[in-house]
Amino acid sequence: LIQRIKDAPTGTVSVRLDILGKPTFEIHSGSAWDRIAWTNELESRVAVANAIYFGTLGQRCELSRATIQKAIQIAKSHGVLRVLDVNLRKPFMTQHISANQLNKLAC
Protein backbone atom coordinates (compact mmCIF):
# COMPACT_ATOMS: atom_id res chain seq x y z
CA LEU A 1 0.00 0.00 0.00
CA ILE A 2 3.03 2.27 -0.24
CA GLN A 3 2.45 5.19 -2.56
CA ARG A 4 5.32 6.68 -4.52
CA ILE A 5 4.92 10.25 -5.63
CA LYS A 6 7.61 11.17 -8.16
CA ASP A 7 7.51 14.92 -7.69
CA ALA A 8 7.47 14.83 -3.87
CA PRO A 9 10.46 13.98 -1.67
CA THR A 10 10.45 11.65 1.30
CA GLY A 11 9.43 13.50 4.46
CA THR A 12 12.24 15.04 6.47
CA VAL A 13 12.58 16.85 9.77
CA SER A 14 15.46 19.07 10.89
CA VAL A 15 16.24 19.07 14.60
CA ARG A 16 18.14 21.86 16.30
CA LEU A 17 19.30 21.83 19.91
CA ASP A 18 19.61 25.02 21.95
CA ILE A 19 22.47 25.51 24.40
CA LEU A 20 20.53 23.59 27.05
CA GLY A 21 19.92 20.66 24.69
CA LYS A 22 16.23 21.42 24.18
CA PRO A 23 15.18 20.41 20.65
CA THR A 24 13.18 22.39 18.13
CA PHE A 25 11.83 20.71 15.03
CA GLU A 26 11.31 21.93 11.49
CA ILE A 27 9.02 19.58 9.60
CA HIS A 28 9.62 20.21 5.93
CA SER A 29 6.54 20.66 3.77
CA GLY A 30 5.75 19.38 0.30
CA SER A 31 6.75 15.81 1.07
CA ALA A 32 5.09 12.63 -0.13
CA TRP A 33 3.38 12.06 3.21
CA ASP A 34 1.50 15.31 2.63
CA ARG A 35 -0.12 13.71 -0.44
CA ILE A 36 -1.50 10.37 0.70
CA ALA A 37 -4.28 9.58 -1.76
CA TRP A 38 -7.30 7.36 -1.28
CA THR A 39 -7.29 4.19 -3.40
CA ASN A 40 -9.68 1.26 -3.85
CA GLU A 41 -6.96 -1.10 -2.62
CA LEU A 42 -6.56 0.94 0.56
CA GLU A 43 -10.30 0.78 1.14
CA SER A 44 -10.46 -3.00 0.83
CA ARG A 45 -7.39 -3.60 3.01
CA VAL A 46 -8.41 -1.26 5.86
CA ALA A 47 -11.66 -3.15 6.38
CA VAL A 48 -9.80 -6.42 7.09
CA ALA A 49 -6.70 -5.09 8.85
CA ASN A 50 -5.77 -6.15 12.38
CA ALA A 51 -4.98 -2.51 13.26
CA ILE A 52 -4.49 0.90 11.70
CA TYR A 53 -1.77 3.22 13.02
CA PHE A 54 -2.04 6.91 12.25
CA GLY A 55 -0.75 10.21 13.56
CA THR A 56 -1.61 13.83 13.95
CA LEU A 57 1.29 15.12 11.84
CA GLY A 58 0.21 13.03 8.88
CA GLN A 59 -3.01 15.04 8.86
CA ARG A 60 -1.46 18.49 8.47
CA CYS A 61 -2.39 18.69 4.77
CA GLU A 62 -5.94 18.40 3.45
CA LEU A 63 -5.42 15.47 1.05
CA SER A 64 -3.65 13.24 3.57
CA ARG A 65 -6.04 14.28 6.35
CA ALA A 66 -9.07 13.28 4.24
CA THR A 67 -7.47 9.95 3.33
CA ILE A 68 -6.49 9.13 6.92
CA GLN A 69 -9.87 10.12 8.32
CA LYS A 70 -11.69 8.03 5.71
CA ALA A 71 -9.51 5.05 6.60
CA ILE A 72 -10.20 5.58 10.30
CA GLN A 73 -13.97 5.65 9.75
CA ILE A 74 -13.87 2.44 7.71
CA ALA A 75 -11.67 0.78 10.32
CA LYS A 76 -14.02 1.90 13.08
CA SER A 77 -17.08 0.54 11.27
CA HIS A 78 -15.34 -2.86 10.95
CA GLY A 79 -14.10 -2.99 14.54
CA VAL A 80 -10.45 -2.60 13.52
CA LEU A 81 -8.08 -1.47 16.29
CA ARG A 82 -7.03 2.16 15.77
CA VAL A 83 -3.75 3.43 17.25
CA LEU A 84 -3.21 7.19 17.40
CA ASP A 85 0.29 8.71 17.55
CA VAL A 86 -0.28 12.15 19.09
CA ASN A 87 2.54 14.40 17.97
CA LEU A 88 1.51 18.03 18.34
CA ARG A 89 4.29 20.23 17.01
CA LYS A 90 4.32 23.92 16.22
CA PRO A 91 3.15 25.28 13.82
CA PHE A 92 0.77 22.35 13.25
CA MET A 93 -1.08 22.65 16.56
CA THR A 94 -4.36 24.20 15.57
CA GLN A 95 -7.93 24.12 16.79
CA HIS A 96 -8.61 21.78 13.87
CA ILE A 97 -6.54 19.14 15.62
CA SER A 98 -8.14 19.65 19.00
CA ALA A 99 -8.31 17.23 21.90
CA ASN A 100 -11.97 16.63 21.09
CA GLN A 101 -11.23 15.75 17.47
CA LEU A 102 -8.34 13.47 18.47
CA ASN A 103 -10.66 11.66 20.84
CA LYS A 104 -13.21 11.13 18.05
CA LEU A 105 -10.51 9.77 15.74
CA ALA A 106 -9.14 7.32 18.27
CA CYS A 107 -12.42 6.00 19.70
PDB file of N, CA and C in Angstrom:
ATOM      1  N   LEU A   1       0.807  -1.198   0.000  1.00  0.00           N
ATOM      2  CA  LEU A   1       0.000   0.000   0.000  1.00  0.00           C
ATOM      3  C   LEU A   1       0.851   1.263   0.000  1.00  0.00           C
ATOM      4  N   ILE A   2       2.139   1.110  -0.201  1.00  0.00           N
ATOM      5  CA  ILE A   2       3.030   2.269  -0.237  1.00  0.00           C
ATOM      6  C   ILE A   2       2.788   3.044  -1.523  1.00  0.00           C
ATOM      7  N   GLN A   3       2.628   4.336  -1.390  1.00  0.00           N
ATOM      8  CA  GLN A   3       2.446   5.192  -2.561  1.00  0.00           C
ATOM      9  C   GLN A   3       3.756   5.916  -2.850  1.00  0.00           C
ATOM     10  N   ARG A   4       4.135   5.935  -4.096  1.00  0.00           N
ATOM     11  CA  ARG A   4       5.320   6.681  -4.520  1.00  0.00           C
ATOM     12  C   ARG A   4       4.856   7.871  -5.340  1.00  0.00           C
ATOM     13  N   ILE A   5       5.324   9.026  -4.953  1.00  0.00           N
ATOM     14  CA  ILE A   5       4.924  10.253  -5.633  1.00  0.00           C
ATOM     15  C   ILE A   5       6.197  10.877  -6.198  1.00  0.00           C
ATOM     16  N   LYS A   6       6.349  10.787  -7.528  1.00  0.00           N
ATOM     17  CA  LYS A   6       7.610  11.170  -8.162  1.00  0.00           C
ATOM     18  C   LYS A   6       8.050  12.595  -7.884  1.00  0.00           C
ATOM     19  N   ASP A   7       7.126  13.509  -7.832  1.00  0.00           N
ATOM     20  CA  ASP A   7       7.511  14.916  -7.690  1.00  0.00           C
ATOM     21  C   ASP A   7       7.476  15.398  -6.245  1.00  0.00           C
ATOM     22  N   ALA A   8       7.475  14.448  -5.290  1.00  0.00           N
ATOM     23  CA  ALA A   8       7.473  14.826  -3.872  1.00  0.00           C
ATOM     24  C   ALA A   8       8.555  14.021  -3.142  1.00  0.00           C
ATOM     25  N   PRO A   9       9.394  14.690  -2.381  1.00  0.00           N
ATOM     26  CA  PRO A   9      10.461  13.979  -1.668  1.00  0.00           C
ATOM     27  C   PRO A   9       9.933  13.221  -0.451  1.00  0.00           C
ATOM     28  N   THR A  10      10.740  12.315   0.042  1.00  0.00           N
ATOM     29  CA  THR A  10      10.452  11.652   1.303  1.00  0.00           C
ATOM     30  C   THR A  10      10.417  12.708   2.399  1.00  0.00           C
ATOM     31  N   GLY A  11       9.545  12.537   3.365  1.00  0.00           N
ATOM     32  CA  GLY A  11       9.432  13.503   4.458  1.00  0.00           C
ATOM     33  C   GLY A  11      10.708  13.600   5.274  1.00  0.00           C
ATOM     34  N   THR A  12      11.061  14.822   5.638  1.00  0.00           N
ATOM     35  CA  THR A  12      12.242  15.041   6.470  1.00  0.00           C
ATOM     36  C   THR A  12      11.927  16.049   7.572  1.00  0.00           C
ATOM     37  N   VAL A  13      12.695  15.941   8.636  1.00  0.00           N
ATOM     38  CA  VAL A  13      12.579  16.847   9.773  1.00  0.00           C
ATOM     39  C   VAL A  13      13.982  17.264  10.172  1.00  0.00           C
ATOM     40  N   SER A  14      14.185  18.565  10.363  1.00  0.00           N
ATOM     41  CA  SER A  14      15.458  19.067  10.886  1.00  0.00           C
ATOM     42  C   SER A  14      15.282  19.306  12.380  1.00  0.00           C
ATOM     43  N   VAL A  15      16.274  18.898  13.147  1.00  0.00           N
ATOM     44  CA  VAL A  15      16.238  19.074  14.598  1.00  0.00           C
ATOM     45  C   VAL A  15      17.412  19.957  14.990  1.00  0.00           C
ATOM     46  N   ARG A  16      17.106  20.971  15.783  1.00  0.00           N
ATOM     47  CA  ARG A  16      18.144  21.855  16.302  1.00  0.00           C
ATOM     48  C   ARG A  16      18.078  21.823  17.828  1.00  0.00           C
ATOM     49  N   LEU A  17      19.236  21.804  18.460  1.00  0.00           N
ATOM     50  CA  LEU A  17      19.300  21.831  19.912  1.00  0.00           C
ATOM     51  C   LEU A  17      19.791  23.197  20.365  1.00  0.00           C
ATOM     52  N   ASP A  18      19.132  23.753  21.393  1.00  0.00           N
ATOM     53  CA  ASP A  18      19.613  25.017  21.951  1.00  0.00           C
ATOM     54  C   ASP A  18      20.768  24.712  22.915  1.00  0.00           C
ATOM     55  N   ILE A  19      21.286  25.724  23.557  1.00  0.00           N
ATOM     56  CA  ILE A  19      22.471  25.509  24.400  1.00  0.00           C
ATOM     57  C   ILE A  19      22.176  24.616  25.614  1.00  0.00           C
ATOM     58  N   LEU A  20      20.914  24.472  25.955  1.00  0.00           N
ATOM     59  CA  LEU A  20      20.530  23.586  27.054  1.00  0.00           C
ATOM     60  C   LEU A  20      20.159  22.175  26.566  1.00  0.00           C
ATOM     61  N   GLY A  21      20.246  21.969  25.255  1.00  0.00           N
ATOM     62  CA  GLY A  21      19.921  20.662  24.688  1.00  0.00           C
ATOM     63  C   GLY A  21      18.456  20.458  24.375  1.00  0.00           C
ATOM     64  N   LYS A  22      17.665  21.525  24.483  1.00  0.00           N
ATOM     65  CA  LYS A  22      16.231  21.424  24.176  1.00  0.00           C
ATOM     66  C   LYS A  22      16.049  21.452  22.656  1.00  0.00           C
ATOM     67  N   PRO A  23      15.337  20.465  22.108  1.00  0.00           N
ATOM     68  CA  PRO A  23      15.179  20.414  20.650  1.00  0.00           C
ATOM     69  C   PRO A  23      14.054  21.302  20.124  1.00  0.00           C
ATOM     70  N   THR A  24      14.249  21.795  18.924  1.00  0.00           N
ATOM     71  CA  THR A  24      13.177  22.394  18.128  1.00  0.00           C
ATOM     72  C   THR A  24      13.173  21.650  16.800  1.00  0.00           C
ATOM     73  N   PHE A  25      11.992  21.518  16.233  1.00  0.00           N
ATOM     74  CA  PHE A  25      11.834  20.708  15.034  1.00  0.00           C
ATOM     75  C   PHE A  25      11.296  21.560  13.891  1.00  0.00           C
ATOM     76  N   GLU A  26      11.854  21.331  12.707  1.00  0.00           N
ATOM     77  CA  GLU A  26      11.308  21.928  11.488  1.00  0.00           C
ATOM     78  C   GLU A  26      10.873  20.780  10.593  1.00  0.00           C
ATOM     79  N   ILE A  27       9.578  20.644  10.421  1.00  0.00           N
ATOM     80  CA  ILE A  27       9.021  19.577   9.602  1.00  0.00           C
ATOM     81  C   ILE A  27       8.830  20.154   8.206  1.00  0.00           C
ATOM     82  N   HIS A  28       9.600  19.643   7.272  1.00  0.00           N
ATOM     83  CA  HIS A  28       9.619  20.215   5.928  1.00  0.00           C
ATOM     84  C   HIS A  28       8.340  19.866   5.166  1.00  0.00           C
ATOM     85  N   SER A  29       7.800  20.840   4.495  1.00  0.00           N
ATOM     86  CA  SER A  29       6.542  20.657   3.771  1.00  0.00           C
ATOM     87  C   SER A  29       6.785  20.181   2.344  1.00  0.00           C
ATOM     88  N   GLY A  30       5.692  19.809   1.696  1.00  0.00           N
ATOM     89  CA  GLY A  30       5.750  19.384   0.299  1.00  0.00           C
ATOM     90  C   GLY A  30       6.252  17.970   0.108  1.00  0.00           C
ATOM     91  N   SER A  31       6.243  17.182   1.169  1.00  0.00           N
ATOM     92  CA  SER A  31       6.748  15.812   1.069  1.00  0.00           C
ATOM     93  C   SER A  31       5.639  14.848   0.647  1.00  0.00           C
ATOM     94  N   ALA A  32       6.050  13.641   0.330  1.00  0.00           N
ATOM     95  CA  ALA A  32       5.088  12.633  -0.133  1.00  0.00           C
ATOM     96  C   ALA A  32       4.022  12.333   0.918  1.00  0.00           C
ATOM     97  N   TRP A  33       4.373  12.377   2.168  1.00  0.00           N
ATOM     98  CA  TRP A  33       3.376  12.057   3.212  1.00  0.00           C
ATOM     99  C   TRP A  33       2.319  13.145   3.355  1.00  0.00           C
ATOM    100  N   ASP A  34       2.522  14.267   2.685  1.00  0.00           N
ATOM    101  CA  ASP A  34       1.498  15.308   2.628  1.00  0.00           C
ATOM    102  C   ASP A  34       0.494  15.048   1.504  1.00  0.00           C
ATOM    103  N   ARG A  35       0.714  13.993   0.727  1.00  0.00           N
ATOM    104  CA  ARG A  35      -0.121  13.709  -0.443  1.00  0.00           C
ATOM    105  C   ARG A  35      -0.631  12.275  -0.482  1.00  0.00           C
ATOM    106  N   ILE A  36      -0.990  11.748   0.654  1.00  0.00           N
ATOM    107  CA  ILE A  36      -1.498  10.373   0.697  1.00  0.00           C
ATOM    108  C   ILE A  36      -2.889  10.364   0.058  1.00  0.00           C
ATOM    109  N   ALA A  37      -3.019   9.608  -1.009  1.00  0.00           N
ATOM    110  CA  ALA A  37      -4.276   9.584  -1.765  1.00  0.00           C
ATOM    111  C   ALA A  37      -5.093   8.344  -1.432  1.00  0.00           C
ATOM    112  N   TRP A  38      -6.404   8.478  -1.502  1.00  0.00           N
ATOM    113  CA  TRP A  38      -7.304   7.358  -1.283  1.00  0.00           C
ATOM    114  C   TRP A  38      -7.293   6.460  -2.504  1.00  0.00           C
ATOM    115  N   THR A  39      -7.248   5.147  -2.291  1.00  0.00           N
ATOM    116  CA  THR A  39      -7.287   4.188  -3.396  1.00  0.00           C
ATOM    117  C   THR A  39      -8.287   3.082  -3.057  1.00  0.00           C
ATOM    118  N   ASN A  40      -8.765   2.392  -4.070  1.00  0.00           N
ATOM    119  CA  ASN A  40      -9.676   1.262  -3.854  1.00  0.00           C
ATOM    120  C   ASN A  40      -8.987   0.155  -3.068  1.00  0.00           C
ATOM    121  N   GLU A  41      -7.708  -0.067  -3.347  1.00  0.00           N
ATOM    122  CA  GLU A  41      -6.963  -1.104  -2.620  1.00  0.00           C
ATOM    123  C   GLU A  41      -6.864  -0.764  -1.134  1.00  0.00           C
ATOM    124  N   LEU A  42      -6.616   0.501  -0.834  1.00  0.00           N
ATOM    125  CA  LEU A  42      -6.555   0.939   0.562  1.00  0.00           C
ATOM    126  C   LEU A  42      -7.887   0.672   1.256  1.00  0.00           C
ATOM    127  N   GLU A  43      -8.965   0.990   0.569  1.00  0.00           N
ATOM    128  CA  GLU A  43     -10.299   0.780   1.142  1.00  0.00           C
ATOM    129  C   GLU A  43     -10.535  -0.687   1.485  1.00  0.00           C
ATOM    130  N   SER A  44     -10.198  -1.577   0.575  1.00  0.00           N
ATOM    131  CA  SER A  44     -10.458  -2.998   0.830  1.00  0.00           C
ATOM    132  C   SER A  44      -9.544  -3.563   1.913  1.00  0.00           C
ATOM    133  N   ARG A  45      -8.328  -3.088   2.009  1.00  0.00           N
ATOM    134  CA  ARG A  45      -7.386  -3.601   3.014  1.00  0.00           C
ATOM    135  C   ARG A  45      -7.682  -3.080   4.414  1.00  0.00           C
ATOM    136  N   VAL A  46      -8.112  -1.836   4.541  1.00  0.00           N
ATOM    137  CA  VAL A  46      -8.406  -1.263   5.860  1.00  0.00           C
ATOM    138  C   VAL A  46      -9.513  -2.054   6.545  1.00  0.00           C
ATOM    139  N   ALA A  47     -10.502  -2.453   5.803  1.00  0.00           N
ATOM    140  CA  ALA A  47     -11.656  -3.153   6.379  1.00  0.00           C
ATOM    141  C   ALA A  47     -11.281  -4.494   7.005  1.00  0.00           C
ATOM    142  N   VAL A  48     -10.196  -5.101   6.568  1.00  0.00           N
ATOM    143  CA  VAL A  48      -9.805  -6.416   7.087  1.00  0.00           C
ATOM    144  C   VAL A  48      -8.485  -6.387   7.850  1.00  0.00           C
ATOM    145  N   ALA A  49      -7.975  -5.210   8.129  1.00  0.00           N
ATOM    146  CA  ALA A  49      -6.703  -5.091   8.853  1.00  0.00           C
ATOM    147  C   ALA A  49      -6.869  -5.490  10.311  1.00  0.00           C
ATOM    148  N   ASN A  50      -5.765  -5.877  10.938  1.00  0.00           N
ATOM    149  CA  ASN A  50      -5.772  -6.149  12.378  1.00  0.00           C
ATOM    150  C   ASN A  50      -5.751  -4.838  13.157  1.00  0.00           C
ATOM    151  N   ALA A  51      -5.085  -3.822  12.597  1.00  0.00           N
ATOM    152  CA  ALA A  51      -4.976  -2.513  13.259  1.00  0.00           C
ATOM    153  C   ALA A  51      -4.612  -1.469  12.220  1.00  0.00           C
ATOM    154  N   ILE A  52      -4.916  -0.222  12.535  1.00  0.00           N
ATOM    155  CA  ILE A  52      -4.490   0.903  11.703  1.00  0.00           C
ATOM    156  C   ILE A  52      -3.794   1.903  12.627  1.00  0.00           C
ATOM    157  N   TYR A  53      -2.594   2.304  12.240  1.00  0.00           N
ATOM    158  CA  TYR A  53      -1.771   3.223  13.021  1.00  0.00           C
ATOM    159  C   TYR A  53      -1.713   4.534  12.250  1.00  0.00           C
ATOM    160  N   PHE A  54      -2.029   5.623  12.915  1.00  0.00           N
ATOM    161  CA  PHE A  54      -2.040   6.914  12.251  1.00  0.00           C
ATOM    162  C   PHE A  54      -1.622   7.987  13.229  1.00  0.00           C
ATOM    163  N   GLY A  55      -1.221   9.134  12.700  1.00  0.00           N
ATOM    164  CA  GLY A  55      -0.751  10.207  13.565  1.00  0.00           C
ATOM    165  C   GLY A  55      -1.378  11.542  13.253  1.00  0.00           C
ATOM    166  N   THR A  56      -1.103  12.475  14.135  1.00  0.00           N
ATOM    167  CA  THR A  56      -1.610  13.827  13.952  1.00  0.00           C
ATOM    168  C   THR A  56      -0.829  14.573  12.881  1.00  0.00           C
ATOM    169  N   LEU A  57       0.486  14.385  12.827  1.00  0.00           N
ATOM    170  CA  LEU A  57       1.286  15.119  11.841  1.00  0.00           C
ATOM    171  C   LEU A  57       0.957  14.719  10.406  1.00  0.00           C
ATOM    172  N   GLY A  58       0.595  13.480  10.210  1.00  0.00           N
ATOM    173  CA  GLY A  58       0.214  13.029   8.876  1.00  0.00           C
ATOM    174  C   GLY A  58      -1.041  13.703   8.359  1.00  0.00           C
ATOM    175  N   GLN A  59      -1.762  14.394   9.237  1.00  0.00           N
ATOM    176  CA  GLN A  59      -3.012  15.041   8.859  1.00  0.00           C
ATOM    177  C   GLN A  59      -2.869  16.545   8.687  1.00  0.00           C
ATOM    178  N   ARG A  60      -1.663  17.029   8.556  1.00  0.00           N
ATOM    179  CA  ARG A  60      -1.465  18.486   8.469  1.00  0.00           C
ATOM    180  C   ARG A  60      -1.870  19.055   7.115  1.00  0.00           C
ATOM    181  N   CYS A  61      -1.960  18.227   6.092  1.00  0.00           N
ATOM    182  CA  CYS A  61      -2.385  18.695   4.766  1.00  0.00           C
ATOM    183  C   CYS A  61      -3.727  18.048   4.415  1.00  0.00           C
ATOM    184  N   GLU A  62      -4.549  18.787   3.697  1.00  0.00           N
ATOM    185  CA  GLU A  62      -5.939  18.396   3.447  1.00  0.00           C
ATOM    186  C   GLU A  62      -6.082  17.026   2.791  1.00  0.00           C
ATOM    187  N   LEU A  63      -5.271  16.737   1.761  1.00  0.00           N
ATOM    188  CA  LEU A  63      -5.416  15.466   1.047  1.00  0.00           C
ATOM    189  C   LEU A  63      -5.118  14.287   1.973  1.00  0.00           C
ATOM    190  N   SER A  64      -4.000  14.328   2.651  1.00  0.00           N
ATOM    191  CA  SER A  64      -3.651  13.236   3.567  1.00  0.00           C
ATOM    192  C   SER A  64      -4.643  13.139   4.714  1.00  0.00           C
ATOM    193  N   ARG A  65      -5.072  14.275   5.256  1.00  0.00           N
ATOM    194  CA  ARG A  65      -6.042  14.281   6.353  1.00  0.00           C
ATOM    195  C   ARG A  65      -7.335  13.585   5.917  1.00  0.00           C
ATOM    196  N   ALA A  66      -7.831  13.899   4.736  1.00  0.00           N
ATOM    197  CA  ALA A  66      -9.067  13.280   4.241  1.00  0.00           C
ATOM    198  C   ALA A  66      -8.881  11.777   4.057  1.00  0.00           C
ATOM    199  N   THR A  67      -7.748  11.367   3.536  1.00  0.00           N
ATOM    200  CA  THR A  67      -7.465   9.946   3.334  1.00  0.00           C
ATOM    201  C   THR A  67      -7.389   9.214   4.663  1.00  0.00           C
ATOM    202  N   ILE A  68      -6.648   9.767   5.603  1.00  0.00           N
ATOM    203  CA  ILE A  68      -6.492   9.132   6.916  1.00  0.00           C
ATOM    204  C   ILE A  68      -7.832   9.058   7.631  1.00  0.00           C
ATOM    205  N   GLN A  69      -8.597  10.128   7.609  1.00  0.00           N
ATOM    206  CA  GLN A  69      -9.874  10.124   8.318  1.00  0.00           C
ATOM    207  C   GLN A  69     -10.869   9.153   7.683  1.00  0.00           C
ATOM    208  N   LYS A  70     -10.828   9.008   6.373  1.00  0.00           N
ATOM    209  CA  LYS A  70     -11.694   8.032   5.709  1.00  0.00           C
ATOM    210  C   LYS A  70     -11.285   6.618   6.127  1.00  0.00           C
ATOM    211  N   ALA A  71     -10.000   6.361   6.177  1.00  0.00           N
ATOM    212  CA  ALA A  71      -9.508   5.047   6.603  1.00  0.00           C
ATOM    213  C   ALA A  71      -9.911   4.755   8.042  1.00  0.00           C
ATOM    214  N   ILE A  72      -9.830   5.754   8.899  1.00  0.00           N
ATOM    215  CA  ILE A  72     -10.204   5.583  10.301  1.00  0.00           C
ATOM    216  C   ILE A  72     -11.681   5.235  10.426  1.00  0.00           C
ATOM    217  N   GLN A  73     -12.528   5.919   9.674  1.00  0.00           N
ATOM    218  CA  GLN A  73     -13.969   5.649   9.749  1.00  0.00           C
ATOM    219  C   GLN A  73     -14.297   4.243   9.257  1.00  0.00           C
ATOM    220  N   ILE A  74     -13.635   3.807   8.202  1.00  0.00           N
ATOM    221  CA  ILE A  74     -13.868   2.441   7.711  1.00  0.00           C
ATOM    222  C   ILE A  74     -13.379   1.434   8.741  1.00  0.00           C
ATOM    223  N   ALA A  75     -12.206   1.674   9.292  1.00  0.00           N
ATOM    224  CA  ALA A  75     -11.672   0.784  10.320  1.00  0.00           C
ATOM    225  C   ALA A  75     -12.614   0.714  11.518  1.00  0.00           C
ATOM    226  N   LYS A  76     -13.103   1.854  11.929  1.00  0.00           N
ATOM    227  CA  LYS A  76     -14.018   1.903  13.075  1.00  0.00           C
ATOM    228  C   LYS A  76     -15.280   1.098  12.797  1.00  0.00           C
ATOM    229  N   SER A  77     -15.840   1.245  11.602  1.00  0.00           N
ATOM    230  CA  SER A  77     -17.084   0.540  11.270  1.00  0.00           C
ATOM    231  C   SER A  77     -16.893  -0.976  11.185  1.00  0.00           C
ATOM    232  N   HIS A  78     -15.631  -1.428  11.026  1.00  0.00           N
ATOM    233  CA  HIS A  78     -15.342  -2.863  10.952  1.00  0.00           C
ATOM    234  C   HIS A  78     -14.698  -3.381  12.240  1.00  0.00           C
ATOM    235  N   GLY A  79     -14.654  -2.555  13.263  1.00  0.00           N
ATOM    236  CA  GLY A  79     -14.096  -2.995  14.539  1.00  0.00           C
ATOM    237  C   GLY A  79     -12.589  -3.172  14.533  1.00  0.00           C
ATOM    238  N   VAL A  80     -11.905  -2.500  13.613  1.00  0.00           N
ATOM    239  CA  VAL A  80     -10.450  -2.600  13.520  1.00  0.00           C
ATOM    240  C   VAL A  80      -9.810  -1.703  14.588  1.00  0.00           C
ATOM    241  N   LEU A  81      -8.818  -2.240  15.286  1.00  0.00           N
ATOM    242  CA  LEU A  81      -8.085  -1.469  16.287  1.00  0.00           C
ATOM    243  C   LEU A  81      -7.454  -0.246  15.641  1.00  0.00           C
ATOM    244  N   ARG A  82      -7.609   0.915  16.272  1.00  0.00           N
ATOM    245  CA  ARG A  82      -7.029   2.156  15.774  1.00  0.00           C
ATOM    246  C   ARG A  82      -6.044   2.681  16.806  1.00  0.00           C
ATOM    247  N   VAL A  83      -4.811   2.964  16.363  1.00  0.00           N
ATOM    248  CA  VAL A  83      -3.750   3.430  17.249  1.00  0.00           C
ATOM    249  C   VAL A  83      -3.338   4.822  16.807  1.00  0.00           C
ATOM    250  N   LEU A  84      -3.495   5.788  17.706  1.00  0.00           N
ATOM    251  CA  LEU A  84      -3.207   7.189  17.403  1.00  0.00           C
ATOM    252  C   LEU A  84      -1.860   7.602  17.974  1.00  0.00           C
ATOM    253  N   ASP A  85      -0.998   8.154  17.136  1.00  0.00           N
ATOM    254  CA  ASP A  85       0.288   8.715  17.546  1.00  0.00           C
ATOM    255  C   ASP A  85       0.106  10.227  17.653  1.00  0.00           C
ATOM    256  N   VAL A  86      -0.084  10.715  18.877  1.00  0.00           N
ATOM    257  CA  VAL A  86      -0.278  12.149  19.085  1.00  0.00           C
ATOM    258  C   VAL A  86       1.097  12.811  19.051  1.00  0.00           C
ATOM    259  N   ASN A  87       1.273  13.713  18.122  1.00  0.00           N
ATOM    260  CA  ASN A  87       2.544  14.400  17.965  1.00  0.00           C
ATOM    261  C   ASN A  87       2.237  15.848  17.594  1.00  0.00           C
ATOM    262  N   LEU A  88       1.896  16.643  18.578  1.00  0.00           N
ATOM    263  CA  LEU A  88       1.510  18.026  18.338  1.00  0.00           C
ATOM    264  C   LEU A  88       2.764  18.899  18.331  1.00  0.00           C
ATOM    265  N   ARG A  89       3.104  19.400  17.190  1.00  0.00           N
ATOM    266  CA  ARG A  89       4.294  20.232  17.008  1.00  0.00           C
ATOM    267  C   ARG A  89       3.901  21.557  16.385  1.00  0.00           C
ATOM    268  N   LYS A  90       4.524  22.610  16.834  1.00  0.00           N
ATOM    269  CA  LYS A  90       4.325  23.920  16.218  1.00  0.00           C
ATOM    270  C   LYS A  90       4.913  23.860  14.826  1.00  0.00           C
ATOM    271  N   PRO A  91       4.337  24.449  13.845  1.00  0.00           N
ATOM    272  CA  PRO A  91       3.149  25.284  13.816  1.00  0.00           C
ATOM    273  C   PRO A  91       1.886  24.501  13.471  1.00  0.00           C
ATOM    274  N   PHE A  92       1.892  23.194  13.666  1.00  0.00           N
ATOM    275  CA  PHE A  92       0.768  22.346  13.252  1.00  0.00           C
ATOM    276  C   PHE A  92      -0.229  22.085  14.367  1.00  0.00           C
ATOM    277  N   MET A  93      -0.096  22.745  15.485  1.00  0.00           N
ATOM    278  CA  MET A  93      -1.080  22.653  16.559  1.00  0.00           C
ATOM    279  C   MET A  93      -2.131  23.719  16.297  1.00  0.00           C
ATOM    280  N   THR A  94      -3.279  23.274  15.866  1.00  0.00           N
ATOM    281  CA  THR A  94      -4.355  24.203  15.567  1.00  0.00           C
ATOM    282  C   THR A  94      -5.629  23.724  16.246  1.00  0.00           C
ATOM    283  N   GLN A  95      -6.647  24.543  16.234  1.00  0.00           N
ATOM    284  CA  GLN A  95      -7.929  24.124  16.790  1.00  0.00           C
ATOM    285  C   GLN A  95      -8.523  22.978  15.983  1.00  0.00           C
ATOM    286  N   HIS A  96      -8.107  22.865  14.716  1.00  0.00           N
ATOM    287  CA  HIS A  96      -8.610  21.785  13.873  1.00  0.00           C
ATOM    288  C   HIS A  96      -8.207  20.426  14.437  1.00  0.00           C
ATOM    289  N   ILE A  97      -7.006  20.365  14.971  1.00  0.00           N
ATOM    290  CA  ILE A  97      -6.542  19.136  15.616  1.00  0.00           C
ATOM    291  C   ILE A  97      -6.666  19.357  17.118  1.00  0.00           C
ATOM    292  N   SER A  98      -7.870  19.400  17.583  1.00  0.00           N
ATOM    293  CA  SER A  98      -8.142  19.655  19.000  1.00  0.00           C
ATOM    294  C   SER A  98      -8.217  18.336  19.754  1.00  0.00           C
ATOM    295  N   ALA A  99      -8.194  18.423  21.072  1.00  0.00           N
ATOM    296  CA  ALA A  99      -8.311  17.227  21.904  1.00  0.00           C
ATOM    297  C   ALA A  99      -9.616  16.503  21.611  1.00  0.00           C
ATOM    298  N   ASN A 100     -10.686  17.230  21.391  1.00  0.00           N
ATOM    299  CA  ASN A 100     -11.974  16.629  21.095  1.00  0.00           C
ATOM    300  C   ASN A 100     -11.927  15.843  19.790  1.00  0.00           C
ATOM    301  N   GLN A 101     -11.318  16.422  18.754  1.00  0.00           N
ATOM    302  CA  GLN A 101     -11.233  15.754  17.470  1.00  0.00           C
ATOM    303  C   GLN A 101     -10.353  14.505  17.583  1.00  0.00           C
ATOM    304  N   LEU A 102      -9.233  14.623  18.300  1.00  0.00           N
ATOM    305  CA  LEU A 102      -8.344  13.471  18.468  1.00  0.00           C
ATOM    306  C   LEU A 102      -9.084  12.337  19.164  1.00  0.00           C
ATOM    307  N   ASN A 103      -9.885  12.665  20.136  1.00  0.00           N
ATOM    308  CA  ASN A 103     -10.665  11.661  20.840  1.00  0.00           C
ATOM    309  C   ASN A 103     -11.631  10.963  19.885  1.00  0.00           C
ATOM    310  N   LYS A 104     -12.278  11.726  19.022  1.00  0.00           N
ATOM    311  CA  LYS A 104     -13.206  11.134  18.054  1.00  0.00           C
ATOM    312  C   LYS A 104     -12.475  10.194  17.108  1.00  0.00           C
ATOM    313  N   LEU A 105     -11.263  10.583  16.685  1.00  0.00           N
ATOM    314  CA  LEU A 105     -10.506   9.774  15.742  1.00  0.00           C
ATOM    315  C   LEU A 105     -10.075   8.452  16.368  1.00  0.00           C
ATOM    316  N   ALA A 106      -9.689   8.502  17.618  1.00  0.00           N
ATOM    317  CA  ALA A 106      -9.143   7.318  18.267  1.00  0.00           C
ATOM    318  C   ALA A 106     -10.220   6.364  18.771  1.00  0.00           C
ATOM    319  N   CYS A 107     -11.399   6.851  19.064  1.00  0.00           N
ATOM    320  CA  CYS A 107     -12.422   6.001  19.697  1.00  0.00           C
ATOM    321  C   CYS A 107     -13.292   5.283  18.680  1.00  0.00           C
TER     322      CYS A 107
END
